[in-house]
Amino acid sequence: MHPLQAFFQSISPLQATTWDVLFPLFKPASLKAGEFFITEHSIAHQIAYLHTGCARAFFTNAKGKEYNKQFFVGPSLIGAYTSLLTGQANRIPQQALTDCEIWVADFPQIQALYEHHHDLERLGRKIAEMYFLEKEAKELEMALEDASQRYLNFQKRYPTLEQEIPQYHIASYLSITTTQLSRIRRKLSQSPD
């Protein structure tokens, strides 16, 4: 079974006939560390299955400071969902933090299959629900938990990421400084299990 098919099947089963028309829409590609899947102000038309690697979604404030909104670690999906749905310019760029192996598809072509492949439409709904739940969980963490607990949550959610990306990206995701992150890591390493 192709890794993309296994990923989709783990979310919501697809019939063989649906897979047969869906799979040809995906083309293999790669992103080098630092390359963008989508930039700010562009209109999104594509989604991608992130097979290996790590990417981030981030925004930049008026003073030029970047804030990491979300990390994507393979296997996962990437794409500027708001821009895909509204046709408006993207406000949250997505950038590879490591070299990434991806499979890219044109989102409108996938949507066109929904009418005749209700299992694919169900998959799309379940993916949207999954990302909604992740977004809400992150918002609650940011509002209700202290930085140490947010860091522990980050470690559970992304168990290998800490060794793969610079610490300032993690600090940005947690809405703390790198100095605060260093203090938290030092404190947690000294506390008994």
C-alpha atoms as a PDB file:
ATOM      1  CA  MET A   1       0.000   0.000   0.000  1.00  0.00           C
ATOM      2  CA  HIS A   2       1.315   3.437  -0.920  1.00  0.00           C
ATOM      3  CA  PRO A   3       2.134   5.603   2.166  1.00  0.00           C
ATOM      4  CA  LEU A   4      -0.373   8.241   1.017  1.00  0.00           C
ATOM      5  CA  GLN A   5      -3.111   5.618   0.782  1.00  0.00           C
ATOM      6  CA  ALA A   6      -2.210   4.258   4.230  1.00  0.00           C
ATOM      7  CA  PHE A   7      -2.329   7.805   5.651  1.00  0.00           C
ATOM      8  CA  PHE A   8      -5.778   8.463   4.192  1.00  0.00           C
ATOM      9  CA  GLN A   9      -7.061   5.032   5.239  1.00  0.00           C
ATOM     10  CA  SER A  10      -5.996   5.753   8.827  1.00  0.00           C
ATOM     11  CA  ILE A  11      -8.296   8.803   8.823  1.00  0.00           C
ATOM     12  CA  SER A  12     -11.284   7.521   6.822  1.00  0.00           C
ATOM     13  CA  PRO A  13     -11.459   4.483   4.503  1.00  0.00           C
ATOM     14  CA  LEU A  14     -11.517   5.046   0.752  1.00  0.00           C
ATOM     15  CA  GLN A  15     -12.950   2.592  -1.749  1.00  0.00           C
ATOM     16  CA  ALA A  16     -10.533   1.181  -4.324  1.00  0.00           C
ATOM     17  CA  THR A  17     -12.401   2.994  -7.126  1.00  0.00           C
ATOM     18  CA  THR A  18     -11.956   6.318  -5.298  1.00  0.00           C
ATOM     19  CA  TRP A  19      -8.249   5.700  -4.719  1.00  0.00           C
ATOM     20  CA  ASP A  20      -7.839   4.856  -8.419  1.00  0.00           C
ATOM     21  CA  VAL A  21      -9.046   8.325  -9.459  1.00  0.00           C
ATOM     22  CA  LEU A  22      -7.480  10.209  -6.537  1.00  0.00           C
ATOM     23  CA  PHE A  23      -3.921   8.889  -6.604  1.00  0.00           C
ATOM     24  CA  PRO A  24      -3.060  10.111 -10.141  1.00  0.00           C
ATOM     25  CA  LEU A  25      -3.735  13.681  -8.960  1.00  0.00           C
ATOM     26  CA  PHE A  26      -0.725  13.509  -6.591  1.00  0.00           C
ATOM     27  CA  LYS A  27       2.753  14.090  -8.023  1.00  0.00           C
ATOM     28  CA  PRO A  28       6.008  13.464  -6.132  1.00  0.00           C
ATOM     29  CA  ALA A  29       8.076  16.529  -5.269  1.00  0.00           C
ATOM     30  CA  SER A  30      10.490  17.745  -2.625  1.00  0.00           C
ATOM     31  CA  LEU A  31      11.215  20.821  -0.581  1.00  0.00           C
ATOM     32  CA  LYS A  32      14.687  21.693   0.619  1.00  0.00           C
ATOM     33  CA  ALA A  33      15.066  23.138   4.111  1.00  0.00           C
ATOM     34  CA  GLY A  34      14.115  26.808   3.905  1.00  0.00           C
ATOM     35  CA  GLU A  35      11.964  26.484   0.781  1.00  0.00           C
ATOM     36  CA  PHE A  36       8.333  27.551   0.904  1.00  0.00           C
ATOM     37  CA  PHE A  37       5.362  25.392   0.024  1.00  0.00           C
ATOM     38  CA  ILE A  38       3.282  28.577  -0.103  1.00  0.00           C
ATOM     39  CA  THR A  39       4.259  32.182   0.491  1.00  0.00           C
ATOM     40  CA  GLU A  40       2.356  35.055   2.021  1.00  0.00           C
ATOM     41  CA  HIS A  41       0.005  36.956  -0.335  1.00  0.00           C
ATOM     42  CA  SER A  42      -0.191  34.117  -2.896  1.00  0.00           C
ATOM     43  CA  ILE A  43      -3.431  32.314  -3.741  1.00  0.00           C
ATOM     44  CA  ALA A  44      -3.372  28.649  -2.751  1.00  0.00           C
ATOM     45  CA  HIS A  45      -4.326  25.979  -5.272  1.00  0.00           C
ATOM     46  CA  GLN A  46      -2.433  22.953  -3.992  1.00  0.00           C
ATOM     47  CA  ILE A  47      -2.245  20.672  -1.004  1.00  0.00           C
ATOM     48  CA  ALA A  48       0.502  18.190  -0.284  1.00  0.00           C
ATOM     49  CA  TYR A  49       0.966  14.992   1.607  1.00  0.00           C
ATOM     50  CA  LEU A  50       4.115  15.493   3.675  1.00  0.00           C
ATOM     51  CA  HIS A  51       5.699  12.047   3.681  1.00  0.00           C
ATOM     52  CA  THR A  52       8.972  12.883   5.441  1.00  0.00           C
ATOM     53  CA  GLY A  53      10.404  16.003   6.977  1.00  0.00           C
ATOM     54  CA  CYS A  54       9.087  18.967   8.922  1.00  0.00           C
ATOM     55  CA  ALA A  55       7.452  22.216   7.859  1.00  0.00           C
ATOM     56  CA  ARG A  56       6.033  25.171   9.723  1.00  0.00           C
ATOM     57  CA  ALA A  57       3.122  27.553   9.285  1.00  0.00           C
ATOM     58  CA  PHE A  58       3.944  31.011  10.618  1.00  0.00           C
ATOM     59  CA  PHE A  59       3.011  34.662  10.456  1.00  0.00           C
ATOM     60  CA  THR A  60       5.011  37.857  10.777  1.00  0.00           C
ATOM     61  CA  ASN A  61       3.832  40.892  12.749  1.00  0.00           C
ATOM     62  CA  ALA A  62       4.175  44.534  11.660  1.00  0.00           C
ATOM     63  CA  LYS A  63       7.597  44.738  13.333  1.00  0.00           C
ATOM     64  CA  GLY A  64       8.908  41.745  11.382  1.00  0.00           C
ATOM     65  CA  LYS A  65       8.807  39.252  14.269  1.00  0.00           C
ATOM     66  CA  GLU A  66       7.852  35.718  13.228  1.00  0.00           C
ATOM     67  CA  TYR A  67       5.490  33.496  15.201  1.00  0.00           C
ATOM     68  CA  ASN A  68       5.257  29.778  14.509  1.00  0.00           C
ATOM     69  CA  LYS A  69       1.598  28.815  14.427  1.00  0.00           C
ATOM     70  CA  GLN A  70       1.920  25.117  13.654  1.00  0.00           C
ATOM     71  CA  PHE A  71       4.426  22.406  12.825  1.00  0.00           C
ATOM     72  CA  PHE A  72       3.763  19.646  10.296  1.00  0.00           C
ATOM     73  CA  VAL A  73       5.728  16.429  10.667  1.00  0.00           C
ATOM     74  CA  GLY A  74       5.378  13.617   8.153  1.00  0.00           C
ATOM     75  CA  PRO A  75       3.074  11.875   7.657  1.00  0.00           C
ATOM     76  CA  SER A  76       0.790  14.894   7.510  1.00  0.00           C
ATOM     77  CA  LEU A  77      -0.929  17.276   5.102  1.00  0.00           C
ATOM     78  CA  ILE A  78       0.194  20.792   4.276  1.00  0.00           C
ATOM     79  CA  GLY A  79      -1.644  23.543   2.451  1.00  0.00           C
ATOM     80  CA  ALA A  80      -3.034  27.007   3.067  1.00  0.00           C
ATOM     81  CA  TYR A  81      -6.540  25.844   3.915  1.00  0.00           C
ATOM     82  CA  THR A  82      -8.151  29.264   4.363  1.00  0.00           C
ATOM     83  CA  SER A  83      -6.826  30.453   1.014  1.00  0.00           C
ATOM     84  CA  LEU A  84      -7.874  27.171  -0.626  1.00  0.00           C
ATOM     85  CA  LEU A  85     -11.441  27.583   0.626  1.00  0.00           C
ATOM     86  CA  THR A  86     -11.868  31.328   0.105  1.00  0.00           C
ATOM     87  CA  GLY A  87      -9.704  32.002  -2.952  1.00  0.00           C
ATOM     88  CA  GLN A  88      -8.174  34.923  -1.051  1.00  0.00           C
ATOM     89  CA  ALA A  89      -4.484  35.664  -0.585  1.00  0.00           C
ATOM     90  CA  ASN A  90      -2.683  33.492   1.927  1.00  0.00           C
ATOM     91  CA  ARG A  91      -1.590  35.173   5.161  1.00  0.00           C
ATOM     92  CA  ILE A  92       0.252  32.241   6.768  1.00  0.00           C
ATOM     93  CA  PRO A  93       3.295  31.009   4.796  1.00  0.00           C
ATOM     94  CA  GLN A  94       4.371  27.379   5.039  1.00  0.00           C
ATOM     95  CA  GLN A  95       8.098  26.666   4.956  1.00  0.00           C
ATOM     96  CA  ALA A  96      10.170  23.506   5.123  1.00  0.00           C
ATOM     97  CA  LEU A  97      12.365  23.374   8.227  1.00  0.00           C
ATOM     98  CA  THR A  98      14.108  20.197   7.039  1.00  0.00           C
ATOM     99  CA  ASP A  99      14.336  18.546   3.638  1.00  0.00           C
ATOM    100  CA  CYS A 100      10.850  17.207   2.865  1.00  0.00           C
ATOM    101  CA  GLU A 101       9.489  14.540   0.553  1.00  0.00           C
ATOM    102  CA  ILE A 102       5.983  15.522  -0.544  1.00  0.00           C
ATOM    103  CA  TRP A 103       3.218  14.489  -2.936  1.00  0.00           C
ATOM    104  CA  VAL A 104       1.415  17.531  -4.392  1.00  0.00           C
ATOM    105  CA  ALA A 105      -2.134  17.727  -5.793  1.00  0.00           C
ATOM    106  CA  ASP A 106      -4.382  20.428  -7.190  1.00  0.00           C
ATOM    107  CA  PHE A 107      -7.069  21.025  -4.550  1.00  0.00           C
ATOM    108  CA  PRO A 108      -9.888  22.020  -6.970  1.00  0.00           C
ATOM    109  CA  GLN A 109      -9.366  18.708  -8.823  1.00  0.00           C
ATOM    110  CA  ILE A 110      -9.802  16.833  -5.532  1.00  0.00           C
ATOM    111  CA  GLN A 111     -12.911  18.857  -4.681  1.00  0.00           C
ATOM    112  CA  ALA A 112     -14.361  18.030  -8.100  1.00  0.00           C
ATOM    113  CA  LEU A 113     -14.321  14.347  -7.124  1.00  0.00           C
ATOM    114  CA  TYR A 114     -16.483  14.926  -4.029  1.00  0.00           C
ATOM    115  CA  GLU A 115     -19.779  14.826  -5.933  1.00  0.00           C
ATOM    116  CA  HIS A 116     -19.274  11.258  -7.157  1.00  0.00           C
ATOM    117  CA  HIS A 117     -17.027   9.922  -4.384  1.00  0.00           C
ATOM    118  CA  HIS A 118     -18.731  10.524  -1.057  1.00  0.00           C
ATOM    119  CA  ASP A 119     -16.050   8.541   0.785  1.00  0.00           C
ATOM    120  CA  LEU A 120     -13.524  11.164  -0.398  1.00  0.00           C
ATOM    121  CA  GLU A 121     -15.829  13.968   0.710  1.00  0.00           C
ATOM    122  CA  ARG A 122     -16.069  12.243   4.115  1.00  0.00           C
ATOM    123  CA  LEU A 123     -12.262  12.043   4.246  1.00  0.00           C
ATOM    124  CA  GLY A 124     -12.060  15.786   3.550  1.00  0.00           C
ATOM    125  CA  ARG A 125     -14.537  16.503   6.344  1.00  0.00           C
ATOM    126  CA  LYS A 126     -12.652  14.294   8.804  1.00  0.00           C
ATOM    127  CA  ILE A 127      -9.362  15.997   7.960  1.00  0.00           C
ATOM    128  CA  ALA A 128     -10.973  19.423   8.500  1.00  0.00           C
ATOM    129  CA  GLU A 129     -12.400  18.227  11.833  1.00  0.00           C
ATOM    130  CA  MET A 130      -9.003  16.852  12.870  1.00  0.00           C
ATOM    131  CA  TYR A 131      -7.278  20.182  12.187  1.00  0.00           C
ATOM    132  CA  PHE A 132     -10.071  22.107  13.925  1.00  0.00           C
ATOM    133  CA  LEU A 133      -9.572  20.006  17.075  1.00  0.00           C
ATOM    134  CA  GLU A 134      -5.792  20.537  16.938  1.00  0.00           C
ATOM    135  CA  LYS A 135      -6.290  24.290  16.531  1.00  0.00           C
ATOM    136  CA  GLU A 136      -8.675  24.480  19.481  1.00  0.00           C
ATOM    137  CA  ALA A 137      -6.352  22.417  21.694  1.00  0.00           C
ATOM    138  CA  LYS A 138      -3.447  24.776  20.886  1.00  0.00           C
ATOM    139  CA  GLU A 139      -5.591  27.849  21.636  1.00  0.00           C
ATOM    140  CA  LEU A 140      -6.625  26.404  24.994  1.00  0.00           C
ATOM    141  CA  GLU A 141      -3.000  25.560  25.828  1.00  0.00           C
ATOM    142  CA  MET A 142      -1.883  29.091  25.028  1.00  0.00           C
ATOM    143  CA  ALA A 143      -4.646  30.633  27.141  1.00  0.00           C
ATOM    144  CA  LEU A 144      -4.744  28.270  30.113  1.00  0.00           C
ATOM    145  CA  GLU A 145      -1.359  26.593  30.583  1.00  0.00           C
ATOM    146  CA  ASP A 146       1.985  27.917  31.727  1.00  0.00           C
ATOM    147  CA  ALA A 147       5.068  27.775  29.520  1.00  0.00           C
ATOM    148  CA  SER A 148       6.460  24.629  31.196  1.00  0.00           C
ATOM    149  CA  GLN A 149       3.272  22.687  30.540  1.00  0.00           C
ATOM    150  CA  ARG A 150       3.118  23.962  26.947  1.00  0.00           C
ATOM    151  CA  TYR A 151       6.686  22.722  26.456  1.00  0.00           C
ATOM    152  CA  LEU A 152       5.789  19.281  27.849  1.00  0.00           C
ATOM    153  CA  ASN A 153       2.779  19.180  25.509  1.00  0.00           C
ATOM    154  CA  PHE A 154       5.053  20.105  22.604  1.00  0.00           C
ATOM    155  CA  GLN A 155       7.379  17.201  23.478  1.00  0.00           C
ATOM    156  CA  LYS A 156       4.442  14.755  23.500  1.00  0.00           C
ATOM    157  CA  ARG A 157       2.970  16.077  20.256  1.00  0.00           C
ATOM    158  CA  TYR A 158       6.317  16.209  18.403  1.00  0.00           C
ATOM    159  CA  PRO A 159       8.607  13.666  20.112  1.00  0.00           C
ATOM    160  CA  THR A 160      11.498  13.872  17.609  1.00  0.00           C
ATOM    161  CA  LEU A 161      11.268  17.499  16.509  1.00  0.00           C
ATOM    162  CA  GLU A 162      13.452  18.978  19.218  1.00  0.00           C
ATOM    163  CA  GLN A 163      16.521  17.289  17.738  1.00  0.00           C
ATOM    164  CA  GLU A 164      15.707  18.392  14.190  1.00  0.00           C
ATOM    165  CA  ILE A 165      14.990  22.129  14.327  1.00  0.00           C
ATOM    166  CA  PRO A 166      16.569  25.187  15.997  1.00  0.00           C
ATOM    167  CA  GLN A 167      15.400  26.061  19.498  1.00  0.00           C
ATOM    168  CA  TYR A 168      14.163  29.511  18.456  1.00  0.00           C
ATOM    169  CA  HIS A 169      11.466  27.849  16.335  1.00  0.00           C
ATOM    170  CA  ILE A 170      10.251  25.912  19.368  1.00  0.00           C
ATOM    171  CA  ALA A 171      10.330  29.021  21.563  1.00  0.00           C
ATOM    172  CA  SER A 172       8.316  30.927  18.951  1.00  0.00           C
ATOM    173  CA  TYR A 173       5.717  28.139  18.806  1.00  0.00           C
ATOM    174  CA  LEU A 174       5.416  28.251  22.619  1.00  0.00           C
ATOM    175  CA  SER A 175       5.255  32.098  22.630  1.00  0.00           C
ATOM    176  CA  ILE A 176       8.316  32.407  24.848  1.00  0.00           C
ATOM    177  CA  THR A 177      11.891  33.568  24.364  1.00  0.00           C
ATOM    178  CA  THR A 178      14.795  31.190  23.776  1.00  0.00           C
ATOM    179  CA  THR A 179      16.122  32.217  27.202  1.00  0.00           C
ATOM    180  CA  GLN A 180      12.850  31.181  28.832  1.00  0.00           C
ATOM    181  CA  LEU A 181      12.955  27.885  26.912  1.00  0.00           C
ATOM    182  CA  SER A 182      16.489  27.208  28.146  1.00  0.00           C
ATOM    183  CA  ARG A 183      15.395  27.864  31.740  1.00  0.00           C
ATOM    184  CA  ILE A 184      12.402  25.541  31.404  1.00  0.00           C
ATOM    185  CA  ARG A 185      14.530  22.771  29.892  1.00  0.00           C
ATOM    186  CA  ARG A 186      17.162  23.143  32.626  1.00  0.00           C
ATOM    187  CA  LYS A 187      14.522  23.129  35.390  1.00  0.00           C
ATOM    188  CA  LEU A 188      12.773  20.035  33.963  1.00  0.00           C
ATOM    189  CA  SER A 189      16.058  18.159  33.533  1.00  0.00           C
ATOM    190  CA  GLN A 190      16.867  18.745  37.237  1.00  0.00           C
ATOM    191  CA  SER A 191      13.481  17.705  38.581  1.00  0.00           C
ATOM    192  CA  PRO A 192      13.024  14.077  39.672  1.00  0.00           C
ATOM    193  CA  ASP A 193      10.774  11.905  37.448  1.00  0.00           C
END
